[in-house]
Amino acid sequence: MKKHLLLALPAILLSLLTHAQNIPPSYHPQPDSIIRIIPAGTGRDTYNLFTIGGRLVTEGEVKDRLVAYPASAEEYTIARHNITATWLAFGGLVVSGTWAVVEYAHNNKHAGETVGPVNGQAGFIYQQHNLTGAYILTGVAVGFLTSAIITAATARHHERKALRVYNERFE
């Protein structure tokens, strides 16, 4: 048993060492390395396919190539940050929009109405409510929505720019 362990341990350590030395391939530019975008699908189900040198590739391979070239890596990083900011703005929209609806529901005209005498006759008595909080939160939600739309458009711009910068080397 001890002998097998002594043989297995160096083999495991050697495999870990060789795996740690796995360096991602450096993509050397070739004339046929231009990344092309092919729109596919119809109607609401449209999506993009990517080809490099006429060969269909995955988005992961495109990302690896963009990140390997420093000029396009910078644009790609900006696009990723903008996508993260878009999701954060969308989360802020959901929270502030929900909070605005709750504020409006809690402070609307009918939230505290009671039945009682009004000028000697039966009628509804309405409590005084302030909708300022609901209005402010609605404005905040609109601000988050605007921010999400602008940031998503900017992210798309930087993704396209990263592809354009990468492809300029081959033109």
N, C-alpha and C. Protein backbone atom coordinates (compact mmCIF):
# COMPACT_ATOMS: atom_id res chain seq x y z
N MET A 1 0.83 -1.19 0.00
CA MET A 1 0.00 0.00 0.00
C MET A 1 0.87 1.25 0.00
N LYS A 2 1.92 1.23 0.83
CA LYS A 2 2.81 2.38 0.92
C LYS A 2 3.55 2.61 -0.39
N LYS A 3 3.89 1.53 -1.07
CA LYS A 3 4.61 1.62 -2.33
C LYS A 3 3.72 2.27 -3.40
N HIS A 4 2.45 1.90 -3.43
CA HIS A 4 1.53 2.47 -4.41
C HIS A 4 1.33 3.97 -4.16
N LEU A 5 1.28 4.32 -2.89
CA LEU A 5 1.12 5.74 -2.53
C LEU A 5 2.36 6.53 -2.95
N LEU A 6 3.53 5.97 -2.76
CA LEU A 6 4.76 6.64 -3.16
C LEU A 6 4.86 6.79 -4.67
N LEU A 7 4.27 5.88 -5.43
CA LEU A 7 4.26 5.99 -6.88
C LEU A 7 3.17 6.95 -7.37
N ALA A 8 2.04 6.95 -6.69
CA ALA A 8 0.90 7.77 -7.13
C ALA A 8 1.12 9.25 -6.81
N LEU A 9 1.71 9.52 -5.66
CA LEU A 9 1.88 10.92 -5.25
C LEU A 9 2.72 11.73 -6.23
N PRO A 10 3.89 11.26 -6.69
CA PRO A 10 4.63 12.04 -7.69
C PRO A 10 3.87 12.17 -9.01
N ALA A 11 3.13 11.14 -9.39
CA ALA A 11 2.35 11.23 -10.63
C ALA A 11 1.28 12.30 -10.52
N ILE A 12 0.62 12.37 -9.38
CA ILE A 12 -0.42 13.40 -9.17
C ILE A 12 0.21 14.78 -9.16
N LEU A 13 1.32 14.94 -8.46
CA LEU A 13 1.99 16.24 -8.41
C LEU A 13 2.48 16.66 -9.78
N LEU A 14 3.00 15.71 -10.56
CA LEU A 14 3.46 16.03 -11.90
C LEU A 14 2.31 16.46 -12.80
N SER A 15 1.16 15.79 -12.68
CA SER A 15 0.01 16.18 -13.51
C SER A 15 -0.50 17.56 -13.09
N LEU A 16 -0.48 17.86 -11.79
CA LEU A 16 -0.88 19.20 -11.33
C LEU A 16 0.08 20.27 -11.85
N LEU A 17 1.37 19.94 -11.85
CA LEU A 17 2.37 20.89 -12.33
C LEU A 17 2.19 21.16 -13.82
N THR A 18 1.96 20.11 -14.60
CA THR A 18 1.79 20.31 -16.04
C THR A 18 0.49 21.02 -16.34
N HIS A 19 -0.55 20.77 -15.54
CA HIS A 19 -1.82 21.48 -15.75
C HIS A 19 -1.67 22.96 -15.40
N ALA A 20 -0.88 23.27 -14.39
CA ALA A 20 -0.65 24.67 -14.01
C ALA A 20 0.14 25.42 -15.07
N GLN A 21 0.91 24.70 -15.86
CA GLN A 21 1.71 25.33 -16.90
C GLN A 21 0.93 25.50 -18.20
N ASN A 22 -0.33 25.11 -18.20
CA ASN A 22 -1.16 25.23 -19.40
C ASN A 22 -1.39 26.70 -19.71
N ILE A 23 -0.73 27.19 -20.69
CA ILE A 23 -0.83 28.60 -21.08
C ILE A 23 -1.82 28.68 -22.22
N PRO A 24 -2.78 29.61 -22.14
CA PRO A 24 -3.72 29.71 -23.25
C PRO A 24 -2.99 30.03 -24.55
N PRO A 25 -3.47 29.48 -25.64
CA PRO A 25 -2.76 29.68 -26.90
C PRO A 25 -2.74 31.14 -27.31
N SER A 26 -1.61 31.58 -27.77
CA SER A 26 -1.48 32.93 -28.28
C SER A 26 -1.88 32.89 -29.75
N TYR A 27 -2.88 33.67 -30.08
CA TYR A 27 -3.38 33.64 -31.44
C TYR A 27 -2.51 34.53 -32.31
N HIS A 28 -1.76 33.91 -33.18
CA HIS A 28 -0.94 34.65 -34.10
C HIS A 28 -1.81 35.07 -35.27
N PRO A 29 -1.76 36.33 -35.63
CA PRO A 29 -2.65 36.79 -36.70
C PRO A 29 -2.32 36.12 -38.02
N GLN A 30 -3.35 35.70 -38.67
CA GLN A 30 -3.24 35.13 -39.99
C GLN A 30 -4.21 35.88 -40.89
N PRO A 31 -3.96 35.92 -42.16
CA PRO A 31 -4.84 36.69 -43.03
C PRO A 31 -6.30 36.23 -43.01
N ASP A 32 -6.53 34.98 -42.65
CA ASP A 32 -7.90 34.50 -42.63
C ASP A 32 -8.51 34.53 -41.23
N SER A 33 -7.96 35.33 -40.32
CA SER A 33 -8.43 35.37 -38.94
C SER A 33 -9.47 36.46 -38.68
N ILE A 34 -10.02 37.05 -39.72
CA ILE A 34 -11.04 38.08 -39.53
C ILE A 34 -12.29 37.43 -38.95
N ILE A 35 -12.83 38.07 -37.91
CA ILE A 35 -14.07 37.61 -37.29
C ILE A 35 -15.23 38.23 -38.03
N ARG A 36 -16.10 37.40 -38.53
CA ARG A 36 -17.28 37.89 -39.25
C ARG A 36 -18.54 37.50 -38.47
N ILE A 37 -19.52 38.41 -38.52
CA ILE A 37 -20.80 38.18 -37.84
C ILE A 37 -21.84 37.85 -38.90
N ILE A 38 -22.56 36.76 -38.68
CA ILE A 38 -23.62 36.35 -39.60
C ILE A 38 -24.93 36.34 -38.82
N PRO A 39 -25.87 37.23 -39.15
CA PRO A 39 -27.17 37.18 -38.48
C PRO A 39 -27.93 35.92 -38.90
N ALA A 40 -28.57 35.27 -37.95
CA ALA A 40 -29.32 34.05 -38.24
C ALA A 40 -30.68 34.13 -37.54
N GLY A 41 -31.60 33.31 -37.97
CA GLY A 41 -32.93 33.29 -37.39
C GLY A 41 -33.83 34.31 -38.06
N THR A 42 -35.11 34.24 -37.71
CA THR A 42 -36.06 35.18 -38.27
C THR A 42 -36.94 35.75 -37.18
N GLY A 43 -37.44 36.95 -37.43
CA GLY A 43 -38.38 37.59 -36.50
C GLY A 43 -37.76 37.84 -35.15
N ARG A 44 -38.47 37.39 -34.12
CA ARG A 44 -38.01 37.62 -32.75
C ARG A 44 -36.88 36.68 -32.35
N ASP A 45 -36.66 35.65 -33.13
CA ASP A 45 -35.65 34.65 -32.80
C ASP A 45 -34.35 34.87 -33.57
N THR A 46 -33.93 36.12 -33.75
CA THR A 46 -32.68 36.37 -34.45
C THR A 46 -31.52 36.29 -33.47
N TYR A 47 -30.41 35.82 -33.96
CA TYR A 47 -29.18 35.71 -33.17
C TYR A 47 -28.01 35.80 -34.13
N ASN A 48 -26.81 35.91 -33.58
CA ASN A 48 -25.61 36.06 -34.40
C ASN A 48 -24.76 34.79 -34.35
N LEU A 49 -24.19 34.44 -35.49
CA LEU A 49 -23.19 33.38 -35.58
C LEU A 49 -21.86 34.04 -35.94
N PHE A 50 -20.77 33.46 -35.49
CA PHE A 50 -19.45 34.02 -35.75
C PHE A 50 -18.63 33.04 -36.57
N THR A 51 -17.90 33.58 -37.55
CA THR A 51 -16.98 32.75 -38.33
C THR A 51 -15.60 33.38 -38.30
N ILE A 52 -14.60 32.54 -38.28
CA ILE A 52 -13.21 32.96 -38.39
C ILE A 52 -12.59 32.12 -39.48
N GLY A 53 -12.18 32.77 -40.56
CA GLY A 53 -11.60 32.06 -41.69
C GLY A 53 -12.59 31.11 -42.35
N GLY A 54 -13.87 31.46 -42.33
CA GLY A 54 -14.89 30.63 -42.94
C GLY A 54 -15.34 29.47 -42.07
N ARG A 55 -14.77 29.34 -40.88
CA ARG A 55 -15.11 28.25 -39.97
C ARG A 55 -16.01 28.80 -38.87
N LEU A 56 -17.12 28.14 -38.61
CA LEU A 56 -18.06 28.55 -37.58
C LEU A 56 -17.43 28.34 -36.21
N VAL A 57 -17.45 29.38 -35.36
CA VAL A 57 -16.84 29.30 -34.03
C VAL A 57 -17.86 29.72 -32.98
N THR A 58 -17.56 29.39 -31.74
CA THR A 58 -18.44 29.74 -30.63
C THR A 58 -18.10 31.15 -30.12
N GLU A 59 -18.99 31.68 -29.30
CA GLU A 59 -18.73 33.00 -28.70
C GLU A 59 -17.52 32.95 -27.79
N GLY A 60 -17.27 31.82 -27.16
CA GLY A 60 -16.10 31.68 -26.30
C GLY A 60 -14.79 31.83 -27.07
N GLU A 61 -14.74 31.25 -28.26
CA GLU A 61 -13.54 31.38 -29.08
C GLU A 61 -13.35 32.82 -29.54
N VAL A 62 -14.45 33.49 -29.87
CA VAL A 62 -14.36 34.91 -30.26
C VAL A 62 -13.86 35.73 -29.08
N LYS A 63 -14.38 35.45 -27.89
CA LYS A 63 -13.94 36.17 -26.69
C LYS A 63 -12.45 35.95 -26.44
N ASP A 64 -12.00 34.70 -26.59
CA ASP A 64 -10.58 34.41 -26.38
C ASP A 64 -9.70 35.19 -27.35
N ARG A 65 -10.13 35.30 -28.57
CA ARG A 65 -9.34 36.06 -29.57
C ARG A 65 -9.35 37.54 -29.26
N LEU A 66 -10.50 38.07 -28.87
CA LEU A 66 -10.58 39.50 -28.56
C LEU A 66 -9.74 39.84 -27.33
N VAL A 67 -9.75 38.97 -26.35
CA VAL A 67 -8.98 39.22 -25.12
C VAL A 67 -7.49 39.05 -25.35
N ALA A 68 -7.09 38.22 -26.31
CA ALA A 68 -5.67 37.97 -26.58
C ALA A 68 -5.00 39.17 -27.24
N TYR A 69 -5.76 40.00 -27.93
CA TYR A 69 -5.19 41.18 -28.60
C TYR A 69 -5.44 42.40 -27.72
N PRO A 70 -4.39 43.10 -27.22
CA PRO A 70 -4.56 44.15 -26.22
C PRO A 70 -5.52 45.28 -26.61
N ALA A 71 -5.49 45.72 -27.86
CA ALA A 71 -6.36 46.84 -28.24
C ALA A 71 -7.83 46.45 -28.17
N SER A 72 -8.17 45.27 -28.64
CA SER A 72 -9.57 44.85 -28.57
C SER A 72 -9.94 44.39 -27.17
N ALA A 73 -8.96 43.93 -26.39
CA ALA A 73 -9.24 43.51 -25.01
C ALA A 73 -9.72 44.69 -24.18
N GLU A 74 -9.15 45.85 -24.41
CA GLU A 74 -9.57 47.05 -23.68
C GLU A 74 -11.04 47.38 -23.96
N GLU A 75 -11.43 47.35 -25.23
CA GLU A 75 -12.81 47.63 -25.60
C GLU A 75 -13.74 46.55 -25.08
N TYR A 76 -13.30 45.31 -25.14
CA TYR A 76 -14.12 44.21 -24.66
C TYR A 76 -14.36 44.33 -23.15
N THR A 77 -13.33 44.74 -22.41
CA THR A 77 -13.47 44.93 -20.98
C THR A 77 -14.46 46.05 -20.67
N ILE A 78 -14.40 47.13 -21.42
CA ILE A 78 -15.35 48.23 -21.23
C ILE A 78 -16.77 47.74 -21.49
N ALA A 79 -16.95 46.92 -22.52
CA ALA A 79 -18.28 46.38 -22.83
C ALA A 79 -18.79 45.51 -21.69
N ARG A 80 -17.92 44.66 -21.13
CA ARG A 80 -18.33 43.80 -20.00
C ARG A 80 -18.72 44.64 -18.79
N HIS A 81 -17.97 45.70 -18.50
CA HIS A 81 -18.31 46.58 -17.38
C HIS A 81 -19.66 47.27 -17.62
N ASN A 82 -19.90 47.67 -18.85
CA ASN A 82 -21.18 48.31 -19.15
C ASN A 82 -22.34 47.34 -19.02
N ILE A 83 -22.14 46.09 -19.38
CA ILE A 83 -23.21 45.10 -19.22
C ILE A 83 -23.50 44.88 -17.73
N THR A 84 -22.46 44.85 -16.91
CA THR A 84 -22.67 44.73 -15.47
C THR A 84 -23.44 45.94 -14.94
N ALA A 85 -23.07 47.14 -15.39
CA ALA A 85 -23.77 48.34 -14.95
C ALA A 85 -25.22 48.34 -15.43
N THR A 86 -25.49 47.77 -16.59
CA THR A 86 -26.86 47.66 -17.08
C THR A 86 -27.70 46.80 -16.16
N TRP A 87 -27.15 45.67 -15.75
CA TRP A 87 -27.90 44.79 -14.85
C TRP A 87 -28.12 45.45 -13.49
N LEU A 88 -27.13 46.19 -13.00
CA LEU A 88 -27.31 46.90 -11.74
C LEU A 88 -28.39 47.97 -11.86
N ALA A 89 -28.41 48.69 -12.97
CA ALA A 89 -29.45 49.70 -13.19
C ALA A 89 -30.82 49.05 -13.31
N PHE A 90 -30.87 47.91 -13.95
CA PHE A 90 -32.14 47.19 -14.06
C PHE A 90 -32.62 46.74 -12.69
N GLY A 91 -31.72 46.28 -11.83
CA GLY A 91 -32.07 45.92 -10.46
C GLY A 91 -32.59 47.12 -9.68
N GLY A 92 -31.93 48.28 -9.86
CA GLY A 92 -32.41 49.50 -9.22
C GLY A 92 -33.79 49.90 -9.72
N LEU A 93 -34.05 49.68 -11.00
CA LEU A 93 -35.37 49.96 -11.58
C LEU A 93 -36.43 49.08 -10.92
N VAL A 94 -36.14 47.80 -10.77
CA VAL A 94 -37.11 46.89 -10.16
C VAL A 94 -37.40 47.28 -8.71
N VAL A 95 -36.35 47.57 -7.95
CA VAL A 95 -36.52 47.91 -6.54
C VAL A 95 -37.28 49.22 -6.39
N SER A 96 -36.84 50.27 -7.08
CA SER A 96 -37.50 51.56 -6.92
C SER A 96 -38.91 51.56 -7.51
N GLY A 97 -39.13 50.82 -8.60
CA GLY A 97 -40.47 50.73 -9.16
C GLY A 97 -41.43 50.00 -8.23
N THR A 98 -40.96 48.91 -7.63
CA THR A 98 -41.79 48.18 -6.67
C THR A 98 -42.09 49.03 -5.45
N TRP A 99 -41.08 49.73 -4.98
CA TRP A 99 -41.26 50.58 -3.81
C TRP A 99 -42.23 51.72 -4.12
N ALA A 100 -42.19 52.27 -5.33
CA ALA A 100 -43.12 53.34 -5.72
C ALA A 100 -44.55 52.81 -5.74
N VAL A 101 -44.75 51.61 -6.25
CA VAL A 101 -46.10 51.02 -6.27
C VAL A 101 -46.62 50.80 -4.85
N VAL A 102 -45.75 50.32 -3.96
CA VAL A 102 -46.15 50.11 -2.57
C VAL A 102 -46.50 51.44 -1.91
N GLU A 103 -45.70 52.46 -2.15
CA GLU A 103 -45.98 53.78 -1.58
C GLU A 103 -47.30 54.34 -2.09
N TYR A 104 -47.56 54.17 -3.37
CA TYR A 104 -48.81 54.67 -3.92
C TYR A 104 -49.99 53.90 -3.34
N ALA A 105 -49.86 52.57 -3.24
CA ALA A 105 -50.95 51.76 -2.69
C ALA A 105 -51.22 52.10 -1.23
N HIS A 106 -50.16 52.44 -0.50
CA HIS A 106 -50.32 52.76 0.91
C HIS A 106 -50.86 54.16 1.14
N ASN A 107 -50.62 55.07 0.23
CA ASN A 107 -50.99 56.47 0.43
C ASN A 107 -52.03 56.99 -0.54
N ASN A 108 -52.75 56.13 -1.24
CA ASN A 108 -53.75 56.65 -2.17
C ASN A 108 -55.01 57.08 -1.42
N LYS A 109 -55.95 57.62 -2.14
CA LYS A 109 -57.17 58.19 -1.55
C LYS A 109 -57.99 57.15 -0.80
N HIS A 110 -58.04 55.95 -1.29
CA HIS A 110 -58.90 54.92 -0.70
C HIS A 110 -58.20 54.08 0.36
N ALA A 111 -56.95 54.36 0.67
CA ALA A 111 -56.21 53.52 1.61
C ALA A 111 -56.77 53.60 3.02
N GLY A 112 -57.31 54.72 3.43
CA GLY A 112 -57.79 54.85 4.81
C GLY A 112 -59.21 55.35 4.89
N GLU A 113 -60.02 55.10 3.87
CA GLU A 113 -61.37 55.64 3.89
C GLU A 113 -62.23 54.89 4.91
N THR A 114 -63.10 55.64 5.55
CA THR A 114 -64.03 55.08 6.50
C THR A 114 -65.43 55.63 6.19
N VAL A 115 -66.42 54.96 6.70
CA VAL A 115 -67.79 55.42 6.51
C VAL A 115 -68.20 56.18 7.77
N GLY A 116 -68.83 57.33 7.56
CA GLY A 116 -69.26 58.14 8.70
C GLY A 116 -70.14 59.28 8.22
N PRO A 117 -70.61 60.07 9.16
CA PRO A 117 -71.50 61.19 8.78
C PRO A 117 -70.71 62.33 8.14
N VAL A 118 -71.19 62.76 6.99
CA VAL A 118 -70.60 63.89 6.29
C VAL A 118 -71.75 64.88 6.03
N ASN A 119 -71.71 66.05 6.70
CA ASN A 119 -72.77 67.06 6.60
C ASN A 119 -74.13 66.46 6.94
N GLY A 120 -74.18 65.62 7.94
CA GLY A 120 -75.44 65.06 8.40
C GLY A 120 -75.90 63.85 7.62
N GLN A 121 -75.18 63.44 6.60
CA GLN A 121 -75.57 62.26 5.82
C GLN A 121 -74.42 61.25 5.84
N ALA A 122 -74.78 59.99 5.57
CA ALA A 122 -73.75 58.95 5.53
C ALA A 122 -72.88 59.16 4.30
N GLY A 123 -71.61 59.01 4.47
CA GLY A 123 -70.68 59.19 3.35
C GLY A 123 -69.31 58.65 3.70
N PHE A 124 -68.38 58.81 2.76
CA PHE A 124 -67.02 58.32 2.96
C PHE A 124 -66.16 59.46 3.51
N ILE A 125 -65.34 59.11 4.50
CA ILE A 125 -64.39 60.06 5.06
C ILE A 125 -63.00 59.61 4.61
N TYR A 126 -62.31 60.50 3.90
CA TYR A 126 -60.99 60.17 3.37
C TYR A 126 -59.91 60.81 4.24
N GLN A 127 -58.86 60.04 4.50
CA GLN A 127 -57.73 60.54 5.28
C GLN A 127 -56.82 61.36 4.37
N GLN A 128 -56.07 62.24 4.95
CA GLN A 128 -55.09 63.01 4.18
C GLN A 128 -53.85 62.15 3.95
N HIS A 129 -53.46 62.03 2.69
CA HIS A 129 -52.28 61.23 2.35
C HIS A 129 -51.35 62.06 1.48
N ASN A 130 -50.08 61.74 1.56
CA ASN A 130 -49.06 62.44 0.80
C ASN A 130 -48.43 61.47 -0.18
N LEU A 131 -48.52 61.76 -1.47
CA LEU A 131 -47.97 60.89 -2.50
C LEU A 131 -46.59 61.32 -2.97
N THR A 132 -45.94 62.21 -2.25
CA THR A 132 -44.64 62.71 -2.67
C THR A 132 -43.62 61.58 -2.79
N GLY A 133 -43.61 60.67 -1.83
CA GLY A 133 -42.67 59.55 -1.87
C GLY A 133 -42.88 58.70 -3.11
N ALA A 134 -44.13 58.44 -3.47
CA ALA A 134 -44.42 57.65 -4.66
C ALA A 134 -43.95 58.38 -5.92
N TYR A 135 -44.14 59.69 -5.97
CA TYR A 135 -43.71 60.46 -7.13
C TYR A 135 -42.19 60.47 -7.25
N ILE A 136 -41.50 60.64 -6.13
CA ILE A 136 -40.03 60.67 -6.15
C ILE A 136 -39.49 59.30 -6.58
N LEU A 137 -40.06 58.23 -6.03
CA LEU A 137 -39.59 56.89 -6.40
C LEU A 137 -39.90 56.55 -7.86
N THR A 138 -40.99 57.08 -8.37
CA THR A 138 -41.29 56.89 -9.79
C THR A 138 -40.23 57.58 -10.64
N GLY A 139 -39.82 58.78 -10.24
CA GLY A 139 -38.75 59.49 -10.95
C GLY A 139 -37.43 58.73 -10.88
N VAL A 140 -37.13 58.15 -9.72
CA VAL A 140 -35.91 57.36 -9.57
C VAL A 140 -35.97 56.13 -10.48
N ALA A 141 -37.13 55.48 -10.56
CA ALA A 141 -37.29 54.32 -11.43
C ALA A 141 -37.09 54.70 -12.89
N VAL A 142 -37.62 55.85 -13.30
CA VAL A 142 -37.43 56.32 -14.68
C VAL A 142 -35.95 56.60 -14.93
N GLY A 143 -35.26 57.17 -13.95
CA GLY A 143 -33.83 57.42 -14.08
C GLY A 143 -33.04 56.12 -14.26
N PHE A 144 -33.37 55.10 -13.46
CA PHE A 144 -32.71 53.80 -13.61
C PHE A 144 -33.00 53.18 -14.97
N LEU A 145 -34.25 53.32 -15.46
CA LEU A 145 -34.59 52.78 -16.77
C LEU A 145 -33.78 53.47 -17.86
N THR A 146 -33.69 54.79 -17.79
CA THR A 146 -32.91 55.54 -18.78
C THR A 146 -31.44 55.13 -18.73
N SER A 147 -30.92 55.00 -17.52
CA SER A 147 -29.52 54.58 -17.36
C SER A 147 -29.29 53.19 -17.93
N ALA A 148 -30.20 52.27 -17.70
CA ALA A 148 -30.05 50.90 -18.22
C ALA A 148 -30.05 50.90 -19.74
N ILE A 149 -30.93 51.68 -20.35
CA ILE A 149 -31.00 51.71 -21.82
C ILE A 149 -29.73 52.31 -22.40
N ILE A 150 -29.27 53.42 -21.86
CA ILE A 150 -28.07 54.08 -22.38
C ILE A 150 -26.84 53.20 -22.19
N THR A 151 -26.72 52.58 -21.03
CA THR A 151 -25.55 51.75 -20.75
C THR A 151 -25.55 50.50 -21.62
N ALA A 152 -26.72 49.92 -21.88
CA ALA A 152 -26.79 48.75 -22.77
C ALA A 152 -26.38 49.13 -24.19
N ALA A 153 -26.82 50.30 -24.64
CA ALA A 153 -26.43 50.75 -25.99
C ALA A 153 -24.93 51.00 -26.06
N THR A 154 -24.37 51.56 -25.01
CA THR A 154 -22.92 51.81 -24.97
C THR A 154 -22.15 50.49 -24.96
N ALA A 155 -22.66 49.50 -24.25
CA ALA A 155 -22.00 48.19 -24.23
C ALA A 155 -21.99 47.57 -25.62
N ARG A 156 -23.09 47.68 -26.32
CA ARG A 156 -23.17 47.16 -27.67
C ARG A 156 -22.17 47.86 -28.59
N HIS A 157 -22.06 49.18 -28.41
CA HIS A 157 -21.10 49.96 -29.21
C HIS A 157 -19.68 49.46 -28.97
N HIS A 158 -19.31 49.22 -27.71
CA HIS A 158 -17.95 48.79 -27.40
C HIS A 158 -17.69 47.35 -27.86
N GLU A 159 -18.72 46.49 -27.85
CA GLU A 159 -18.54 45.15 -28.40
C GLU A 159 -18.22 45.21 -29.89
N ARG A 160 -18.97 46.02 -30.61
CA ARG A 160 -18.72 46.18 -32.05
C ARG A 160 -17.34 46.80 -32.30
N LYS A 161 -16.97 47.77 -31.45
CA LYS A 161 -15.68 48.42 -31.62
C LYS A 161 -14.54 47.44 -31.36
N ALA A 162 -14.71 46.54 -30.38
CA ALA A 162 -13.68 45.53 -30.11
C ALA A 162 -13.48 44.63 -31.33
N LEU A 163 -14.57 44.23 -31.97
CA LEU A 163 -14.45 43.43 -33.19
C LEU A 163 -13.78 44.21 -34.31
N ARG A 164 -14.16 45.49 -34.45
CA ARG A 164 -13.58 46.32 -35.52
C ARG A 164 -12.08 46.52 -35.30
N VAL A 165 -11.67 46.78 -34.06
CA VAL A 165 -10.25 46.97 -33.75
C VAL A 165 -9.48 45.67 -34.01
N TYR A 166 -10.06 44.55 -33.64
CA TYR A 166 -9.39 43.26 -33.89
C TYR A 166 -9.23 43.01 -35.38
N ASN A 167 -10.27 43.28 -36.15
CA ASN A 167 -10.24 43.00 -37.59
C ASN A 167 -9.39 43.99 -38.38
N GLU A 168 -9.09 45.19 -37.84
CA GLU A 168 -8.26 46.18 -38.54
C GLU A 168 -6.86 45.66 -38.81
N ARG A 169 -6.37 44.72 -38.02
CA ARG A 169 -5.02 44.19 -38.23
C ARG A 169 -4.90 43.45 -39.54
N PHE A 170 -6.01 42.94 -40.06
CA PHE A 170 -5.95 42.09 -41.24
C PHE A 170 -6.35 42.79 -42.51
N GLU A 171 -6.71 44.04 -42.43
CA GLU A 171 -7.17 44.75 -43.62
C GLU A 171 -6.06 45.53 -44.28
